[in-house]
Amino acid sequence: MSATHFKLRSTVALVMGALSVLSMSSFASSHREAPFVSQNPSIDATDFYMFRSYEPGRENYTTMVANYVSLQDPPGGPIFFPMNQNGLYEIHVDNNGDGKEDLTFQFQFKNELKDIALPIGDKQVSIPGINGGKIEAVNSPNLQMRETYTVNVVHGDRRSGQRQAVTNAAGGSATFDKPVDNIGNKSIPDYAAYAGQHLYGINIPGCGSPGRMFVGQRKDPFVVNVGEAFDLLNIKTPAVELNPNAERSARDDLARKNVTAIALELPTSCLRTATEPVVGAWTTASLRQGRLIDPAPESGLFTATKDGGPWAQVSRLAMPLVNELVIGLKDKDKFNASKPSGDAQFLAYVTNPTLAAIIESQFSSAGVKAPTKFPRNDLVTTFLTGVPGLNKPANIVPSEMMRLNTDIAPKAKGSQNRLGVIGGDTAGFPNGRRPGDDVVDVELRVMMGKLCTLNDPGTFGCAPADAPAGTLQFTDGAYTDDSNYEAAFPYLRTPLAGSPQE
């Protein structure tokens, strides 16, 4: 193997190792991963994606997608899945490696009740559903609940920095309509066309070129065998060596689920600095610290509580699966309230991960054995800093976030490798993350010692003998391919309709 090839393989594996450490829960993204968000799904971040745009002609742009409101069943009426109007949803960008946000995009939502009523006898009576007829245009008169949102960009600290409104490039409005969820084919005959009317060109203060934005329901692109994974890894064939068809042997438990996406496509030059190509990013959601339940709420929408006080962060996500199976149960809410700059407090969960030990305990009869050398310093380095030569900033304060080297050219749909960097595709995970990247299979393999098999202890801190199962091609059995995402912004597929039944 040439030195150049070996270096690339090392970089790939190391990046993946970091991710796997973080997401030792490589089986499902962050769906209901902590006590508080499990009871407050409207502010539950499920997945975060960041990648160079691969839509033809958009190569100079970077796309970030923050998905919220997990496990949406298409028949979700009568209210479906509005965003929390008492919440603050944010995407943060660190473009100098100091572990702190330099740019923050803040989204706040508002729900307006039109109160459509029908004449019943001698009375006007409000209808019970979300719509009173077909919906084909923005802010349709048949839509009973109109959901709008505003976006602000903050330069510097998210709470004390300069805050300015993002505006519609067509007309200058600072208020945007969010499409109602995909109720069904009778209510919305052509949902793709309807939702497409809510894709906006936007002007961003401090950026000389416009970007694009879409906020609305999408088909969840994440592919994972959730049920068997959380039943003590009840996966019948967890590696290709045990069954040649192992990668396609299980069901995608999110195949019939939707999600709400906050998608931004911005000129890459507006995210990075002139001298640093690596951009770090993460998403958070916050609620007001105070909440009073009104025992006699007024008529209207969401009037049962009175919320106030400073913002309190309750959800955080960058690398997939970090909080789901890496962080101990007692610290899950604590992690969701933390900032990347404070991640040293969770270091033990990374240096001495439990997932590999659990995998060994369940499959030891098949010869599976976890890596034996601790602490996992190679994973710590990758997890907190990015990988040298791939996505490590020149000046770095260790902190967990999604990192993307914007100098690496994107690959079009059809030419991407689902295994990202370890599959030879440096434009993919963990150099950012695309909707088609199979983070589950990648992270499982690295967690069980893929890095050690490269036999470079000076770089990775371990040797092949430290990873007896490091060469196995581990999998959860749920396979993803490019049919699960689109070739153009916002890249996630049209959501599944609530009706008719399939």
Protein backbone atom coordinates (compact mmCIF):
# COMPACT_ATOMS: atom_id res chain seq x y z
CA MET A 1 0.00 0.00 0.00
CA SER A 2 1.40 3.41 -0.93
CA ALA A 3 2.02 6.03 1.74
CA THR A 4 -0.56 8.30 0.10
CA HIS A 5 -3.19 5.58 -0.01
CA PHE A 6 -2.44 4.57 3.56
CA LYS A 7 -2.76 8.18 4.71
CA LEU A 8 -6.16 8.49 3.04
CA ARG A 9 -7.36 5.24 4.58
CA SER A 10 -6.10 6.41 7.96
CA THR A 11 -7.87 9.71 7.63
CA VAL A 12 -11.08 8.02 6.61
CA ALA A 13 -11.00 5.53 9.40
CA LEU A 14 -10.06 8.05 12.03
CA VAL A 15 -12.89 10.34 11.07
CA MET A 16 -15.29 7.47 11.24
CA GLY A 17 -13.90 6.44 14.55
CA ALA A 18 -14.72 9.76 16.07
CA LEU A 19 -18.22 9.54 14.84
CA SER A 20 -18.68 6.08 16.08
CA VAL A 21 -17.51 7.04 19.49
CA LEU A 22 -19.92 9.84 19.62
CA SER A 23 -22.70 7.83 18.27
CA MET A 24 -22.14 4.64 19.91
CA SER A 25 -25.78 4.32 19.37
CA SER A 26 -25.21 3.77 15.76
CA PHE A 27 -28.63 2.28 15.40
CA ALA A 28 -30.91 5.25 15.36
CA SER A 29 -30.39 8.89 15.11
CA SER A 30 -31.42 11.12 17.98
CA HIS A 31 -35.10 10.24 18.13
CA ARG A 32 -36.49 10.57 21.68
CA GLU A 33 -32.97 10.13 23.06
CA ALA A 34 -33.28 11.95 26.41
CA PRO A 35 -35.91 12.12 29.16
CA PHE A 36 -37.01 15.72 28.56
CA VAL A 37 -37.29 15.63 24.78
CA SER A 38 -39.09 12.29 24.94
CA GLN A 39 -41.92 14.21 26.61
CA ASN A 40 -41.52 17.29 24.40
CA PRO A 41 -41.14 15.96 20.83
CA SER A 42 -41.74 19.32 19.14
CA ILE A 43 -38.26 20.48 20.20
CA ASP A 44 -36.51 17.12 19.72
CA ALA A 45 -33.67 17.38 17.16
CA THR A 46 -33.46 14.08 15.28
CA ASP A 47 -30.69 14.53 12.68
CA PHE A 48 -28.29 17.18 11.46
CA TYR A 49 -26.79 17.25 7.97
CA MET A 50 -24.13 19.52 6.48
CA PHE A 51 -22.58 19.08 3.04
CA ARG A 52 -21.44 20.88 -0.08
CA SER A 53 -24.52 21.22 -2.29
CA TYR A 54 -24.49 18.62 -5.07
CA GLU A 55 -27.39 19.97 -7.11
CA PRO A 56 -25.96 20.84 -10.55
CA GLY A 57 -24.88 24.47 -10.66
CA ARG A 58 -24.93 24.88 -6.86
CA GLU A 59 -21.44 23.62 -6.07
CA ASN A 60 -20.44 26.92 -4.46
CA TYR A 61 -23.11 26.52 -1.79
CA THR A 62 -23.28 24.58 1.46
CA THR A 63 -26.49 22.99 2.72
CA MET A 64 -27.40 22.51 6.37
CA VAL A 65 -30.51 20.58 7.41
CA ALA A 66 -31.75 20.30 10.99
CA ASN A 67 -34.57 17.79 11.42
CA TYR A 68 -37.02 18.04 14.30
CA VAL A 69 -40.20 16.38 15.65
CA SER A 70 -39.31 12.71 15.52
CA LEU A 71 -41.22 9.64 14.38
CA GLN A 72 -44.11 11.39 12.63
CA ASP A 73 -46.79 8.97 11.48
CA PRO A 74 -48.33 10.28 8.23
CA PRO A 75 -51.94 10.00 9.53
CA GLY A 76 -51.26 12.53 12.29
CA GLY A 77 -54.52 14.48 12.33
CA PRO A 78 -56.28 16.51 13.35
CA ILE A 79 -53.40 18.79 14.48
CA PHE A 80 -50.51 16.98 12.74
CA PHE A 81 -47.04 18.27 13.71
CA PRO A 82 -46.64 22.05 14.08
CA MET A 83 -43.42 23.47 15.46
CA ASN A 84 -43.41 24.86 18.99
CA GLN A 85 -44.29 28.55 18.90
CA ASN A 86 -42.76 28.93 22.36
CA GLY A 87 -39.47 27.45 21.15
CA LEU A 88 -36.30 28.83 19.60
CA TYR A 89 -34.67 26.60 16.96
CA GLU A 90 -31.08 27.42 16.05
CA ILE A 91 -28.27 26.37 13.71
CA HIS A 92 -24.84 27.46 14.94
CA VAL A 93 -21.66 27.83 12.87
CA ASP A 94 -18.09 27.90 14.18
CA ASN A 95 -15.76 29.00 11.37
CA ASN A 96 -12.49 29.49 13.26
CA GLY A 97 -12.20 26.34 15.39
CA ASP A 98 -12.60 27.96 18.81
CA GLY A 99 -15.61 25.84 19.82
CA LYS A 100 -17.97 28.83 19.91
CA GLU A 101 -20.59 30.03 17.47
CA ASP A 102 -19.60 32.79 15.04
CA LEU A 103 -22.93 32.71 13.19
CA THR A 104 -26.32 31.57 14.46
CA PHE A 105 -29.54 31.23 12.47
CA GLN A 106 -32.58 31.54 14.74
CA PHE A 107 -36.04 30.27 13.76
CA GLN A 108 -39.23 31.17 15.64
CA PHE A 109 -42.71 30.00 14.70
CA LYS A 110 -46.20 31.41 15.07
CA ASN A 111 -49.56 29.70 14.63
CA GLU A 112 -52.58 31.73 13.54
CA LEU A 113 -56.13 30.39 13.89
CA LYS A 114 -58.50 31.44 11.10
CA ASP A 115 -61.43 29.74 12.82
CA ILE A 116 -63.31 28.45 9.79
CA ALA A 117 -66.97 28.02 10.72
CA LEU A 118 -69.97 26.43 9.02
CA PRO A 119 -73.62 27.51 9.27
CA ILE A 120 -75.33 24.77 11.26
CA GLY A 121 -78.98 25.67 11.69
CA ASP A 122 -79.01 29.19 13.04
CA LYS A 123 -75.42 29.07 14.35
CA GLN A 124 -71.89 29.44 12.98
CA VAL A 125 -69.90 26.49 14.36
CA SER A 126 -66.12 26.08 14.15
CA ILE A 127 -64.86 23.05 12.22
CA PRO A 128 -62.74 20.48 14.12
CA GLY A 129 -60.02 19.80 11.53
CA ILE A 130 -56.98 21.67 10.29
CA ASN A 131 -58.55 22.44 6.90
CA GLY A 132 -61.98 22.97 5.42
CA GLY A 133 -61.25 22.15 1.77
CA LYS A 134 -58.49 21.63 -0.78
CA ILE A 135 -55.14 23.32 -0.20
CA GLU A 136 -53.15 24.24 -3.28
CA ALA A 137 -51.49 27.59 -2.56
CA VAL A 138 -49.55 29.41 0.14
CA ASN A 139 -51.86 30.58 2.95
CA SER A 140 -54.89 28.93 1.39
CA PRO A 141 -58.26 30.22 2.65
CA ASN A 142 -59.15 26.58 3.32
CA LEU A 143 -56.29 26.22 5.80
CA GLN A 144 -57.61 26.66 9.31
CA MET A 145 -54.21 26.96 11.04
CA ARG A 146 -51.58 29.10 9.30
CA GLU A 147 -48.03 28.50 10.48
CA THR A 148 -45.43 31.20 9.81
CA TYR A 149 -41.87 31.79 10.94
CA THR A 150 -39.16 34.40 11.13
CA VAL A 151 -35.40 33.93 10.81
CA ASN A 152 -32.64 36.02 12.30
CA VAL A 153 -28.90 35.73 11.82
CA VAL A 154 -26.70 36.57 14.80
CA HIS A 155 -23.03 37.42 14.38
CA GLY A 156 -21.06 36.46 17.48
CA ASP A 157 -22.55 35.10 20.69
CA ARG A 158 -26.03 33.68 20.12
CA ARG A 159 -27.60 35.81 22.86
CA SER A 160 -25.52 38.99 22.90
CA GLY A 161 -24.30 39.30 19.30
CA GLN A 162 -25.62 41.48 16.49
CA ARG A 163 -29.05 40.20 15.43
CA GLN A 164 -30.59 40.97 12.02
CA ALA A 165 -33.55 39.64 10.06
CA VAL A 166 -33.23 37.27 7.12
CA THR A 167 -35.63 38.44 4.39
CA ASN A 168 -37.40 37.04 1.36
CA ALA A 169 -35.39 37.87 -1.77
CA ALA A 170 -38.73 38.34 -3.57
CA GLY A 171 -40.35 41.31 -1.89
CA GLY A 172 -38.29 41.74 1.26
CA SER A 173 -40.72 40.27 3.80
CA ALA A 174 -39.25 38.94 7.05
CA THR A 175 -42.16 36.52 7.59
CA PHE A 176 -42.30 33.16 5.82
CA ASP A 177 -45.10 30.62 5.46
CA LYS A 178 -44.51 26.99 6.39
CA PRO A 179 -46.49 24.43 4.38
CA VAL A 180 -49.03 22.41 6.30
CA ASP A 181 -48.09 18.75 6.71
CA ASN A 182 -49.10 16.21 4.07
CA ILE A 183 -52.66 15.65 5.28
CA GLY A 184 -53.61 13.43 2.34
CA ASN A 185 -54.29 13.34 -1.38
CA LYS A 186 -57.85 14.63 -1.13
CA SER A 187 -56.88 17.72 0.86
CA ILE A 188 -53.65 18.39 -1.07
CA PRO A 189 -53.78 16.69 -4.50
CA ASP A 190 -50.18 17.62 -5.44
CA TYR A 191 -48.18 18.02 -2.26
CA ALA A 192 -44.82 18.34 -4.04
CA ALA A 193 -46.04 21.32 -6.05
CA TYR A 194 -47.71 22.86 -3.00
CA ALA A 195 -44.63 22.48 -0.80
CA GLY A 196 -42.41 23.82 -3.59
CA GLN A 197 -44.17 27.18 -3.31
CA HIS A 198 -42.59 27.45 0.15
CA LEU A 199 -39.00 27.25 -1.10
CA TYR A 200 -37.65 30.76 -0.68
CA GLY A 201 -34.73 32.72 -2.01
CA ILE A 202 -33.35 34.67 0.94
CA ASN A 203 -31.14 37.64 1.66
CA ILE A 204 -28.77 37.14 4.59
CA PRO A 205 -27.32 40.20 6.34
CA GLY A 206 -23.55 40.18 5.97
CA CYS A 207 -23.64 37.91 2.92
CA GLY A 208 -23.31 39.43 -0.54
CA SER A 209 -25.20 36.67 -2.37
CA PRO A 210 -28.66 35.20 -1.73
CA GLY A 211 -29.30 31.73 -0.38
CA ARG A 212 -32.29 29.38 -0.29
CA MET A 213 -34.48 28.12 2.51
CA PHE A 214 -37.19 25.54 3.07
CA VAL A 215 -38.92 24.66 6.33
CA GLY A 216 -41.53 21.93 6.30
CA GLN A 217 -42.40 18.27 6.54
CA ARG A 218 -40.25 15.75 4.64
CA LYS A 219 -39.85 11.99 4.47
CA ASP A 220 -37.32 11.00 7.15
CA PRO A 221 -34.18 10.03 5.16
CA PHE A 222 -32.54 8.15 8.01
CA VAL A 223 -32.49 4.37 7.51
CA VAL A 224 -32.14 2.19 10.60
CA ASN A 225 -33.24 -1.04 12.23
CA VAL A 226 -34.46 0.64 15.42
CA GLY A 227 -36.57 -2.11 16.95
CA GLU A 228 -34.00 -4.89 16.98
CA ALA A 229 -31.17 -2.53 17.91
CA PHE A 230 -32.83 -1.45 21.15
CA ASP A 231 -33.90 -5.00 22.02
CA LEU A 232 -30.42 -5.91 23.28
CA LEU A 233 -29.09 -5.86 19.71
CA ASN A 234 -31.52 -8.53 18.58
CA ILE A 235 -29.93 -8.49 15.10
CA LYS A 236 -29.77 -11.96 13.60
CA THR A 237 -26.75 -11.40 11.34
CA PRO A 238 -24.74 -8.34 12.48
CA ALA A 239 -21.90 -8.75 9.96
CA VAL A 240 -21.46 -9.60 6.28
CA GLU A 241 -19.02 -12.36 7.20
CA LEU A 242 -21.85 -14.15 9.04
CA ASN A 243 -24.30 -13.72 6.16
CA PRO A 244 -23.47 -12.31 2.70
CA ASN A 245 -26.90 -10.62 2.64
CA ALA A 246 -26.57 -9.14 6.13
CA GLU A 247 -26.60 -5.52 4.94
CA ARG A 248 -30.10 -6.01 3.49
CA SER A 249 -31.48 -8.47 6.03
CA ALA A 250 -33.57 -6.14 8.21
CA ARG A 251 -36.40 -3.64 7.92
CA ASP A 252 -35.97 0.12 7.93
CA ASP A 253 -38.14 1.08 10.89
CA LEU A 254 -38.33 4.70 9.69
CA ALA A 255 -39.59 3.74 6.23
CA ARG A 256 -43.09 5.05 7.08
CA LYS A 257 -42.04 8.08 9.13
CA ASN A 258 -41.88 11.78 8.33
CA VAL A 259 -39.91 14.57 9.98
CA THR A 260 -39.87 18.39 9.96
CA ALA A 261 -36.82 19.86 8.21
CA ILE A 262 -35.21 23.26 8.65
CA ALA A 263 -33.06 23.53 5.52
CA LEU A 264 -30.67 26.33 4.59
CA GLU A 265 -28.52 26.56 1.48
CA LEU A 266 -25.98 29.37 1.79
CA PRO A 267 -23.00 30.58 -0.23
CA THR A 268 -20.04 28.70 1.18
CA SER A 269 -18.05 31.93 1.22
CA CYS A 270 -20.53 33.35 3.75
CA LEU A 271 -19.91 30.49 6.19
CA ARG A 272 -16.13 30.01 6.05
CA THR A 273 -13.29 32.45 6.46
CA ALA A 274 -10.79 33.30 3.75
CA THR A 275 -8.06 31.22 5.39
CA GLU A 276 -9.95 28.37 7.11
CA PRO A 277 -11.93 25.96 4.89
CA VAL A 278 -13.27 23.83 7.75
CA VAL A 279 -16.67 24.82 9.11
CA GLY A 280 -18.20 23.35 12.26
CA ALA A 281 -21.92 23.40 12.99
CA TRP A 282 -24.65 22.05 15.27
CA THR A 283 -28.32 22.62 16.02
CA THR A 284 -30.10 23.39 19.28
CA ALA A 285 -33.61 24.07 20.52
CA SER A 286 -34.52 26.17 23.55
CA LEU A 287 -37.63 26.90 25.60
CA ARG A 288 -38.48 29.69 28.00
CA GLN A 289 -37.42 28.91 31.57
CA GLY A 290 -40.85 29.65 33.01
CA ARG A 291 -44.12 27.90 32.20
CA LEU A 292 -47.49 28.21 33.89
CA ILE A 293 -50.38 25.91 33.03
CA ASP A 294 -53.63 27.82 32.69
CA PRO A 295 -56.45 25.87 34.38
CA ALA A 296 -58.99 27.75 32.25
CA PRO A 297 -57.38 28.39 28.84
CA GLU A 298 -59.02 30.79 26.44
CA SER A 299 -60.29 29.69 23.04
CA GLY A 300 -57.56 29.66 20.42
CA LEU A 301 -54.36 27.80 19.60
CA PHE A 302 -51.87 26.64 22.24
CA THR A 303 -53.39 28.72 25.03
CA ALA A 304 -53.00 26.13 27.79
CA THR A 305 -49.66 27.54 28.99
CA LYS A 306 -48.06 30.90 29.67
CA ASP A 307 -44.34 30.86 28.87
CA GLY A 308 -41.72 33.46 29.79
CA GLY A 309 -38.24 34.20 31.07
CA PRO A 310 -34.79 33.63 29.51
CA TRP A 311 -34.15 30.89 26.98
CA ALA A 312 -33.00 27.50 28.29
CA GLN A 313 -31.41 25.07 25.81
CA VAL A 314 -33.06 21.64 25.97
CA SER A 315 -31.90 19.90 22.76
CA ARG A 316 -28.53 19.68 21.02
CA LEU A 317 -27.33 17.68 18.02
CA ALA A 318 -24.37 17.60 15.65
CA MET A 319 -22.75 14.21 15.09
CA PRO A 320 -25.46 11.56 14.86
CA LEU A 321 -26.36 9.39 17.84
CA VAL A 322 -24.13 11.01 20.44
CA ASN A 323 -26.73 11.32 23.15
CA GLU A 324 -28.73 8.27 22.22
CA LEU A 325 -26.31 5.51 23.21
CA VAL A 326 -23.00 7.16 24.02
CA ILE A 327 -24.03 9.39 26.90
CA GLY A 328 -25.20 7.65 30.07
CA LEU A 329 -28.88 7.89 30.95
CA LYS A 330 -28.23 10.10 33.95
CA ASP A 331 -26.47 12.72 31.79
CA LYS A 332 -28.69 12.83 28.70
CA ASP A 333 -30.62 15.96 29.66
CA LYS A 334 -27.36 17.50 30.87
CA PHE A 335 -25.72 16.90 27.50
CA ASN A 336 -28.68 18.41 25.65
CA ALA A 337 -28.31 21.59 27.72
CA SER A 338 -24.54 21.86 27.17
CA LYS A 339 -22.36 23.70 24.67
CA PRO A 340 -19.55 22.13 22.60
CA SER A 341 -16.93 24.06 24.54
CA GLY A 342 -17.89 22.14 27.70
CA ASP A 343 -17.63 18.62 26.31
CA ALA A 344 -14.67 17.62 28.49
CA GLN A 345 -17.19 16.78 31.22
CA PHE A 346 -18.45 13.86 29.09
CA LEU A 347 -15.00 12.53 28.17
CA ALA A 348 -15.30 9.19 29.99
CA TYR A 349 -18.20 8.18 27.77
CA VAL A 350 -15.82 8.49 24.80
CA THR A 351 -12.57 7.11 26.20
CA ASN A 352 -14.31 4.05 27.65
CA PRO A 353 -17.35 3.47 25.41
CA THR A 354 -19.93 0.85 26.32
CA LEU A 355 -21.36 -0.02 22.91
CA ALA A 356 -18.47 -2.25 21.85
CA ALA A 357 -18.75 -4.19 25.11
CA ILE A 358 -22.48 -4.63 24.58
CA ILE A 359 -21.90 -5.90 21.03
CA GLU A 360 -19.36 -8.41 22.34
CA SER A 361 -21.72 -9.61 25.07
CA GLN A 362 -24.47 -10.32 22.55
CA PHE A 363 -22.38 -11.92 19.80
CA SER A 364 -19.42 -13.51 21.59
CA SER A 365 -20.63 -16.96 20.52
CA ALA A 366 -19.91 -15.92 16.92
CA GLY A 367 -16.38 -14.87 17.82
CA VAL A 368 -17.06 -11.14 18.18
CA LYS A 369 -14.74 -9.39 20.62
CA ALA A 370 -14.51 -5.69 21.45
CA PRO A 371 -11.30 -3.64 21.16
CA THR A 372 -9.14 -4.12 24.23
CA LYS A 373 -6.97 -1.02 24.52
CA PHE A 374 -8.09 1.93 26.66
CA PRO A 375 -8.42 4.85 26.68
CA ARG A 376 -9.56 5.21 23.07
CA ASN A 377 -7.32 8.20 22.45
CA ASP A 378 -7.66 7.92 18.69
CA LEU A 379 -11.41 8.36 18.97
CA VAL A 380 -11.05 11.21 21.44
CA THR A 381 -8.81 13.10 19.04
CA THR A 382 -11.12 12.63 16.10
CA PHE A 383 -14.28 13.28 18.07
CA LEU A 384 -13.14 16.58 19.49
CA THR A 385 -10.85 18.06 16.85
CA GLY A 386 -11.53 16.69 13.39
CA VAL A 387 -9.04 14.61 11.41
CA PRO A 388 -5.73 16.08 10.21
CA GLY A 389 -5.75 16.39 6.44
CA LEU A 390 -9.52 15.98 6.24
CA ASN A 391 -11.60 18.23 8.49
CA LYS A 392 -9.43 19.51 11.33
CA PRO A 393 -9.15 23.33 11.56
CA ALA A 394 -5.70 24.85 11.74
CA ASN A 395 -6.46 26.25 15.20
CA ILE A 396 -8.73 24.03 17.25
CA VAL A 397 -10.31 24.07 20.68
CA PRO A 398 -11.53 20.51 21.28
CA SER A 399 -15.33 20.39 21.00
CA GLU A 400 -17.98 18.12 19.48
CA MET A 401 -19.71 19.35 16.34
CA MET A 402 -20.22 18.38 12.70
CA ARG A 403 -17.16 19.48 10.71
CA LEU A 404 -17.01 19.98 6.94
CA ASN A 405 -13.99 20.76 4.81
CA THR A 406 -15.50 23.07 2.22
CA ASP A 407 -12.46 22.71 -0.05
CA ILE A 408 -13.48 19.12 -0.87
CA ALA A 409 -15.69 19.06 -3.96
CA PRO A 410 -19.17 17.51 -3.72
CA LYS A 411 -20.25 14.36 -5.52
CA ALA A 412 -23.51 14.22 -7.45
CA LYS A 413 -26.33 11.85 -6.64
CA GLY A 414 -25.54 8.52 -8.26
CA SER A 415 -21.79 8.78 -7.63
CA GLN A 416 -21.83 8.99 -3.83
CA ASN A 417 -20.66 6.08 -1.69
CA ARG A 418 -23.03 5.34 1.19
CA LEU A 419 -20.04 4.55 3.44
CA GLY A 420 -18.58 8.01 2.93
CA VAL A 421 -14.91 8.37 3.77
CA ILE A 422 -14.26 4.71 4.60
CA GLY A 423 -15.80 3.89 1.22
CA GLY A 424 -13.33 6.21 -0.51
CA ASP A 425 -15.71 9.17 -0.79
CA THR A 426 -14.16 12.06 1.14
CA ALA A 427 -17.14 14.32 0.38
CA GLY A 428 -19.24 12.18 2.74
CA PHE A 429 -19.56 11.29 6.39
CA PRO A 430 -17.83 12.09 8.63
CA ASN A 431 -16.60 15.01 6.53
CA GLY A 432 -20.00 16.53 7.11
CA ARG A 433 -23.00 14.30 6.53
CA ARG A 434 -25.27 13.82 3.52
CA PRO A 435 -28.79 12.35 3.56
CA GLY A 436 -27.54 9.18 1.85
CA ASP A 437 -24.61 8.45 4.16
CA ASP A 438 -25.08 5.17 6.05
CA VAL A 439 -23.76 6.35 9.39
CA VAL A 440 -25.00 3.23 11.17
CA ASP A 441 -22.88 0.70 9.29
CA VAL A 442 -19.87 3.02 9.22
CA GLU A 443 -19.93 3.71 12.94
CA LEU A 444 -20.48 0.08 13.90
CA ARG A 445 -17.38 -0.96 11.99
CA VAL A 446 -15.19 1.75 13.45
CA MET A 447 -16.51 1.17 16.95
CA MET A 448 -15.38 -2.44 16.74
CA GLY A 449 -11.83 -1.49 15.78
CA LYS A 450 -11.62 -0.60 12.09
CA LEU A 451 -8.95 2.00 12.87
CA CYS A 452 -6.75 -0.50 14.65
CA THR A 453 -6.61 -2.78 11.63
CA LEU A 454 -4.69 -0.11 9.70
CA ASN A 455 -1.67 -1.00 11.88
CA ASP A 456 -0.58 2.57 12.58
CA PRO A 457 -0.36 2.80 16.38
CA GLY A 458 1.50 6.09 16.15
CA THR A 459 -1.57 7.68 14.60
CA PHE A 460 -4.43 5.70 16.11
CA GLY A 461 -3.01 4.46 19.40
CA CYS A 462 -3.86 0.83 18.68
CA ALA A 463 -2.72 -2.13 16.60
CA PRO A 464 -4.58 -4.98 14.85
CA ALA A 465 -4.14 -7.21 17.89
CA ASP A 466 -6.14 -4.68 19.93
CA ALA A 467 -9.22 -5.19 17.73
CA PRO A 468 -9.95 -8.90 17.20
CA ALA A 469 -13.17 -8.10 15.30
CA GLY A 470 -11.87 -4.99 13.56
CA THR A 471 -12.01 -6.42 10.05
CA LEU A 472 -15.65 -7.53 10.24
CA GLN A 473 -18.20 -5.61 8.15
CA PHE A 474 -20.75 -4.86 10.85
CA THR A 475 -24.26 -3.75 9.90
CA ASP A 476 -27.70 -3.21 11.40
CA GLY A 477 -29.21 -4.83 8.29
CA ALA A 478 -31.14 -1.76 7.10
CA TYR A 479 -29.69 -0.73 3.74
CA THR A 480 -29.79 2.75 2.26
CA ASP A 481 -29.30 3.82 -1.34
CA ASP A 482 -29.83 6.96 -3.41
CA SER A 483 -33.57 6.33 -3.74
CA ASN A 484 -33.90 7.71 -0.21
CA TYR A 485 -32.96 11.29 -1.10
CA GLU A 486 -33.27 13.81 -3.92
CA ALA A 487 -30.74 15.39 -6.28
CA ALA A 488 -31.76 18.99 -5.55
CA PHE A 489 -32.43 21.27 -2.60
CA PRO A 490 -33.85 20.62 -0.03
CA TYR A 491 -32.63 17.08 -0.86
CA LEU A 492 -35.14 15.28 1.39
CA ARG A 493 -38.06 13.52 -0.29
CA THR A 494 -41.71 14.60 -0.31
CA PRO A 495 -43.35 13.43 2.93
CA LEU A 496 -45.63 10.42 3.01
CA ALA A 497 -49.32 11.32 2.77
CA GLY A 498 -51.71 10.62 5.61
CA SER A 499 -54.28 9.33 3.11
CA PRO A 500 -55.12 7.14 1.28
CA GLN A 501 -53.93 4.07 3.16
CA GLU A 502 -51.30 1.99 1.39
